[in-house]
Amino acid sequence: LEEVVKRTKAIPLGEPLLDGTRMGALISKPQLEKVLGFVSEAKKQGATVLCGGEPFVPSDPKLKGGYFM
């Protein structure tokens, strides 16, 4: 499980049209809220979040309006 977490944390997030990007933003704010709701419910039921689980704010100013997590 440690290796899965390590590899997941290394996935490049960003502009989906760039070659180095492997994961982009969610499509909309409602979709982000829906996914965050799933994470919240899982935590209430005893799940442990090992990677992510909350909104992510990219350092690149061009991506600041995206719905990343």
N, C-alpha and C. Protein backbone atom coordinates (compact mmCIF):
# COMPACT_ATOMS: atom_id res chain seq x y z
N LEU A 1 0.82 -1.19 0.00
CA LEU A 1 0.00 0.00 0.00
C LEU A 1 0.87 1.26 0.00
N GLU A 2 2.01 1.19 0.67
CA GLU A 2 2.91 2.36 0.71
C GLU A 2 3.37 2.75 -0.69
N GLU A 3 3.64 1.75 -1.53
CA GLU A 3 4.10 2.02 -2.89
C GLU A 3 2.99 2.68 -3.72
N VAL A 4 1.75 2.26 -3.52
CA VAL A 4 0.62 2.86 -4.24
C VAL A 4 0.48 4.33 -3.85
N VAL A 5 0.58 4.63 -2.56
CA VAL A 5 0.48 6.01 -2.09
C VAL A 5 1.63 6.84 -2.66
N LYS A 6 2.82 6.30 -2.64
CA LYS A 6 4.00 7.00 -3.17
C LYS A 6 3.81 7.35 -4.65
N ARG A 7 3.35 6.38 -5.43
CA ARG A 7 3.16 6.61 -6.86
C ARG A 7 2.01 7.57 -7.13
N THR A 8 0.96 7.48 -6.33
CA THR A 8 -0.18 8.38 -6.50
C THR A 8 0.23 9.82 -6.22
N LYS A 9 1.01 10.03 -5.18
CA LYS A 9 1.46 11.39 -4.85
C LYS A 9 2.38 11.97 -5.93
N ALA A 10 2.98 11.10 -6.74
CA ALA A 10 3.91 11.55 -7.77
C ALA A 10 3.23 11.84 -9.11
N ILE A 11 1.92 11.60 -9.21
CA ILE A 11 1.21 11.86 -10.47
C ILE A 11 1.20 13.36 -10.75
N PRO A 12 1.73 13.78 -11.91
CA PRO A 12 1.75 15.21 -12.24
C PRO A 12 0.35 15.76 -12.51
N LEU A 13 -0.07 16.74 -11.73
CA LEU A 13 -1.35 17.42 -11.92
C LEU A 13 -1.13 18.68 -12.73
N GLY A 14 -2.11 19.07 -13.51
CA GLY A 14 -1.97 20.33 -14.21
C GLY A 14 -2.82 20.44 -15.45
N GLU A 15 -2.34 21.24 -16.39
CA GLU A 15 -3.02 21.50 -17.66
C GLU A 15 -3.07 20.20 -18.47
N PRO A 16 -4.26 19.69 -18.74
CA PRO A 16 -4.37 18.39 -19.41
C PRO A 16 -3.83 18.35 -20.83
N LEU A 17 -3.63 19.49 -21.46
CA LEU A 17 -3.11 19.50 -22.83
C LEU A 17 -1.59 19.41 -22.88
N LEU A 18 -0.92 19.54 -21.75
CA LEU A 18 0.54 19.46 -21.72
C LEU A 18 0.98 18.00 -21.61
N ASP A 19 2.09 17.67 -22.28
CA ASP A 19 2.58 16.29 -22.32
C ASP A 19 2.87 15.69 -20.95
N GLY A 20 3.42 16.45 -20.03
CA GLY A 20 3.81 15.90 -18.74
C GLY A 20 2.67 15.70 -17.75
N THR A 21 1.51 16.23 -18.05
CA THR A 21 0.38 16.14 -17.13
C THR A 21 -0.27 14.77 -17.24
N ARG A 22 -0.57 14.18 -16.09
CA ARG A 22 -1.23 12.87 -16.07
C ARG A 22 -2.62 12.95 -15.43
N MET A 23 -2.93 14.08 -14.76
CA MET A 23 -4.25 14.25 -14.14
C MET A 23 -4.61 15.72 -14.14
N GLY A 24 -5.80 16.03 -14.64
CA GLY A 24 -6.28 17.40 -14.67
C GLY A 24 -7.32 17.64 -13.59
N ALA A 25 -7.97 18.76 -13.71
CA ALA A 25 -8.99 19.16 -12.73
C ALA A 25 -10.30 18.40 -12.98
N LEU A 26 -11.16 18.40 -11.98
CA LEU A 26 -12.52 17.91 -12.16
C LEU A 26 -13.26 18.91 -13.04
N ILE A 27 -14.36 18.49 -13.63
CA ILE A 27 -15.05 19.28 -14.64
C ILE A 27 -15.73 20.54 -14.12
N SER A 28 -16.19 20.52 -12.85
CA SER A 28 -16.95 21.66 -12.34
C SER A 28 -16.91 21.68 -10.81
N LYS A 29 -17.33 22.81 -10.25
CA LYS A 29 -17.41 22.92 -8.80
C LYS A 29 -18.41 21.92 -8.22
N PRO A 30 -19.60 21.74 -8.84
CA PRO A 30 -20.51 20.73 -8.30
C PRO A 30 -19.90 19.32 -8.28
N GLN A 31 -19.10 19.00 -9.30
CA GLN A 31 -18.46 17.67 -9.32
C GLN A 31 -17.43 17.57 -8.20
N LEU A 32 -16.66 18.62 -7.98
CA LEU A 32 -15.70 18.63 -6.87
C LEU A 32 -16.42 18.44 -5.55
N GLU A 33 -17.51 19.16 -5.36
CA GLU A 33 -18.28 19.03 -4.11
C GLU A 33 -18.84 17.62 -3.94
N LYS A 34 -19.26 17.01 -5.03
CA LYS A 34 -19.77 15.64 -4.98
C LYS A 34 -18.69 14.66 -4.54
N VAL A 35 -17.50 14.79 -5.14
CA VAL A 35 -16.39 13.90 -4.78
C VAL A 35 -15.97 14.14 -3.33
N LEU A 36 -15.90 15.40 -2.92
CA LEU A 36 -15.56 15.71 -1.52
C LEU A 36 -16.60 15.12 -0.57
N GLY A 37 -17.86 15.11 -0.99
CA GLY A 37 -18.91 14.49 -0.19
C GLY A 37 -18.69 12.99 -0.04
N PHE A 38 -18.26 12.33 -1.12
CA PHE A 38 -17.96 10.90 -1.04
C PHE A 38 -16.83 10.64 -0.05
N VAL A 39 -15.79 11.48 -0.11
CA VAL A 39 -14.66 11.34 0.80
C VAL A 39 -15.11 11.56 2.24
N SER A 40 -15.90 12.58 2.47
CA SER A 40 -16.41 12.88 3.81
C SER A 40 -17.23 11.72 4.36
N GLU A 41 -18.10 11.17 3.54
CA GLU A 41 -18.93 10.04 3.98
C GLU A 41 -18.08 8.82 4.28
N ALA A 42 -17.09 8.57 3.45
CA ALA A 42 -16.20 7.43 3.70
C ALA A 42 -15.46 7.60 5.02
N LYS A 43 -15.00 8.83 5.31
CA LYS A 43 -14.30 9.09 6.58
C LYS A 43 -15.23 8.88 7.77
N LYS A 44 -16.49 9.30 7.63
CA LYS A 44 -17.47 9.09 8.70
C LYS A 44 -17.68 7.60 8.98
N GLN A 45 -17.51 6.79 7.94
CA GLN A 45 -17.70 5.36 8.08
C GLN A 45 -16.42 4.63 8.46
N GLY A 46 -15.36 5.40 8.76
CA GLY A 46 -14.13 4.80 9.26
C GLY A 46 -12.98 4.70 8.28
N ALA A 47 -13.15 5.19 7.07
CA ALA A 47 -12.07 5.13 6.09
C ALA A 47 -10.94 6.08 6.48
N THR A 48 -9.74 5.72 6.08
CA THR A 48 -8.57 6.56 6.27
C THR A 48 -8.10 7.05 4.91
N VAL A 49 -7.98 8.35 4.75
CA VAL A 49 -7.50 8.92 3.49
C VAL A 49 -5.98 8.91 3.53
N LEU A 50 -5.37 8.26 2.55
CA LEU A 50 -3.92 8.14 2.52
C LEU A 50 -3.26 9.14 1.58
N CYS A 51 -4.04 9.69 0.67
CA CYS A 51 -3.47 10.61 -0.31
C CYS A 51 -4.57 11.54 -0.81
N GLY A 52 -4.38 12.83 -0.68
CA GLY A 52 -5.39 13.78 -1.15
C GLY A 52 -6.59 13.85 -0.23
N GLY A 53 -7.75 13.86 -0.84
CA GLY A 53 -8.98 13.90 -0.06
C GLY A 53 -9.48 15.30 0.25
N GLU A 54 -8.81 16.29 -0.27
CA GLU A 54 -9.23 17.68 -0.05
C GLU A 54 -8.85 18.50 -1.28
N PRO A 55 -9.45 19.69 -1.44
CA PRO A 55 -9.11 20.51 -2.61
C PRO A 55 -7.61 20.81 -2.67
N PHE A 56 -7.09 20.88 -3.89
CA PHE A 56 -5.69 21.17 -4.13
C PHE A 56 -5.60 22.47 -4.91
N VAL A 57 -4.77 23.39 -4.46
CA VAL A 57 -4.58 24.66 -5.16
C VAL A 57 -3.21 24.62 -5.84
N PRO A 58 -3.20 24.55 -7.18
CA PRO A 58 -1.93 24.50 -7.90
C PRO A 58 -1.14 25.79 -7.74
N SER A 59 0.17 25.68 -7.82
CA SER A 59 1.01 26.87 -7.70
C SER A 59 1.02 27.69 -9.00
N ASP A 60 0.72 27.06 -10.13
CA ASP A 60 0.68 27.75 -11.42
C ASP A 60 -0.54 28.67 -11.47
N PRO A 61 -0.35 29.98 -11.59
CA PRO A 61 -1.48 30.91 -11.60
C PRO A 61 -2.50 30.63 -12.71
N LYS A 62 -2.07 30.05 -13.82
CA LYS A 62 -2.99 29.74 -14.92
C LYS A 62 -3.99 28.65 -14.54
N LEU A 63 -3.70 27.89 -13.50
CA LEU A 63 -4.56 26.77 -13.10
C LEU A 63 -5.40 27.07 -11.87
N LYS A 64 -5.28 28.28 -11.33
CA LYS A 64 -5.95 28.63 -10.07
C LYS A 64 -7.47 28.48 -10.12
N GLY A 65 -8.10 28.61 -11.26
CA GLY A 65 -9.55 28.49 -11.35
C GLY A 65 -10.04 27.06 -11.51
N GLY A 66 -9.11 26.10 -11.56
CA GLY A 66 -9.50 24.70 -11.76
C GLY A 66 -9.99 24.06 -10.48
N TYR A 67 -10.73 22.98 -10.65
CA TYR A 67 -11.29 22.25 -9.50
C TYR A 67 -10.47 20.99 -9.25
N PHE A 68 -9.30 21.19 -8.68
CA PHE A 68 -8.37 20.10 -8.41
C PHE A 68 -8.59 19.53 -7.02
N MET A 69 -8.24 18.26 -6.86
CA MET A 69 -8.22 17.68 -5.52
C MET A 69 -7.21 16.57 -5.47
